[in-house]
């Protein structure tokens, strides 16, 4: 019984430590829409349903300051600066699932 309780506690702690794509997306929704359905500031592509790898690559490019799609590089760099690689992955997976 102790092993089962310990395993459940560890699983719960691990899930708390994992990035939450839905929570992270709240910051994005102001420009991209609640479901990623908007062209942010009338410039960007609709991001809902985009490929996970593309989203990750773009977010990492914005964070590094090497991507400036539609002149949004500096704005996006500020938005993603604090995201970890795990956050970026969780966010990309969440955005991919939006319809």
Protein backbone atom coordinates (compact mmCIF):
# COMPACT_ATOMS: atom_id res chain seq x y z
CA UNK A 1 0.00 0.00 0.00
CA UNK A 2 2.86 2.39 0.80
CA UNK A 3 4.39 1.84 -2.66
CA UNK A 4 1.10 2.69 -4.37
CA UNK A 5 0.64 5.84 -2.28
CA UNK A 6 4.20 6.94 -2.99
CA UNK A 7 3.78 6.30 -6.72
CA UNK A 8 0.58 8.35 -6.80
CA UNK A 9 2.24 11.19 -4.89
CA UNK A 10 5.20 11.22 -7.29
CA UNK A 11 2.89 11.18 -10.31
CA UNK A 12 0.96 14.11 -8.88
CA UNK A 13 4.13 16.08 -8.22
CA UNK A 14 5.40 15.40 -11.74
CA UNK A 15 2.15 16.60 -13.30
CA UNK A 16 2.33 19.81 -11.28
CA UNK A 17 5.85 20.44 -12.54
CA UNK A 18 4.85 19.91 -16.18
CA UNK A 19 4.08 22.96 -18.26
CA UNK A 20 0.40 23.71 -18.82
CA UNK A 21 -0.18 24.76 -22.43
CA UNK A 22 -3.69 26.07 -21.74
CA UNK A 23 -2.46 28.31 -18.92
CA UNK A 24 0.46 29.54 -21.01
CA UNK A 25 -1.84 30.32 -23.95
CA UNK A 26 -3.86 32.83 -21.91
CA UNK A 27 -1.06 35.34 -22.54
CA UNK A 28 -1.35 34.71 -26.31
CA UNK A 29 -5.13 34.92 -26.57
CA UNK A 30 -5.22 38.72 -26.41
CA UNK A 31 -3.74 38.96 -29.90
CA UNK A 32 -4.30 35.49 -31.38
CA UNK A 33 -7.87 34.97 -30.09
CA UNK A 34 -9.21 32.54 -27.51
CA UNK A 35 -8.91 29.67 -29.99
CA UNK A 36 -5.90 30.91 -31.99
CA UNK A 37 -8.32 31.93 -34.75
CA UNK A 38 -7.22 35.54 -35.28
CA UNK A 39 -4.53 37.14 -37.39
CA UNK A 40 -2.64 38.79 -34.50
CA UNK A 41 -2.64 42.56 -34.97
CA UNK A 42 -3.88 41.88 -38.51
CA UNK A 43 -0.41 40.63 -39.46
CA UNK A 44 0.25 37.04 -38.46
CA UNK A 45 -1.12 33.79 -39.76
CA UNK A 46 -3.89 32.03 -37.86
CA UNK A 47 -2.03 29.75 -35.46
CA UNK A 48 -4.81 27.30 -34.49
CA UNK A 49 -3.94 23.80 -35.63
CA UNK A 50 -0.43 24.67 -36.83
CA UNK A 51 2.17 21.91 -36.85
CA UNK A 52 3.84 21.40 -33.44
CA UNK A 53 7.38 21.43 -34.88
CA UNK A 54 6.74 24.70 -36.74
CA UNK A 55 5.31 26.39 -33.66
CA UNK A 56 8.25 25.25 -31.54
CA UNK A 57 10.78 26.42 -34.14
CA UNK A 58 9.06 29.81 -34.47
CA UNK A 59 8.76 30.37 -30.72
CA UNK A 60 12.42 29.47 -30.20
CA UNK A 61 13.37 31.81 -33.06
CA UNK A 62 11.39 34.65 -31.51
CA UNK A 63 12.97 33.95 -28.11
CA UNK A 64 16.48 33.97 -29.62
CA UNK A 65 15.72 37.16 -31.55
CA UNK A 66 16.47 35.47 -34.88
CA UNK A 67 12.88 35.48 -36.23
CA UNK A 68 10.97 38.55 -37.31
CA UNK A 69 7.90 37.31 -39.21
CA UNK A 70 5.67 40.17 -40.32
CA UNK A 71 7.78 42.61 -38.30
CA UNK A 72 6.61 41.03 -35.04
CA UNK A 73 10.00 39.81 -33.82
CA UNK A 74 10.56 42.28 -30.99
CA UNK A 75 6.99 42.05 -29.72
CA UNK A 76 7.07 38.26 -29.76
CA UNK A 77 10.54 38.13 -28.20
CA UNK A 78 9.13 39.94 -25.19
CA UNK A 79 6.18 37.59 -25.02
CA UNK A 80 8.22 34.38 -25.10
CA UNK A 81 11.38 35.49 -23.26
CA UNK A 82 10.48 33.73 -20.01
CA UNK A 83 9.35 30.45 -21.59
CA UNK A 84 11.42 27.33 -20.98
CA UNK A 85 11.83 24.64 -23.64
CA UNK A 86 9.20 22.59 -21.77
CA UNK A 87 6.84 25.58 -21.79
CA UNK A 88 7.37 26.05 -25.54
CA UNK A 89 6.65 22.36 -26.19
CA UNK A 90 3.49 22.42 -24.07
CA UNK A 91 2.33 25.64 -25.72
CA UNK A 92 3.02 24.27 -29.21
CA UNK A 93 1.06 21.10 -28.47
CA UNK A 94 -1.83 23.13 -27.07
CA UNK A 95 -1.95 25.46 -30.08
CA UNK A 96 -1.80 22.49 -32.45
CA UNK A 97 -4.92 21.10 -30.77
CA UNK A 98 -6.92 24.31 -31.19
CA UNK A 99 -9.57 24.32 -33.89
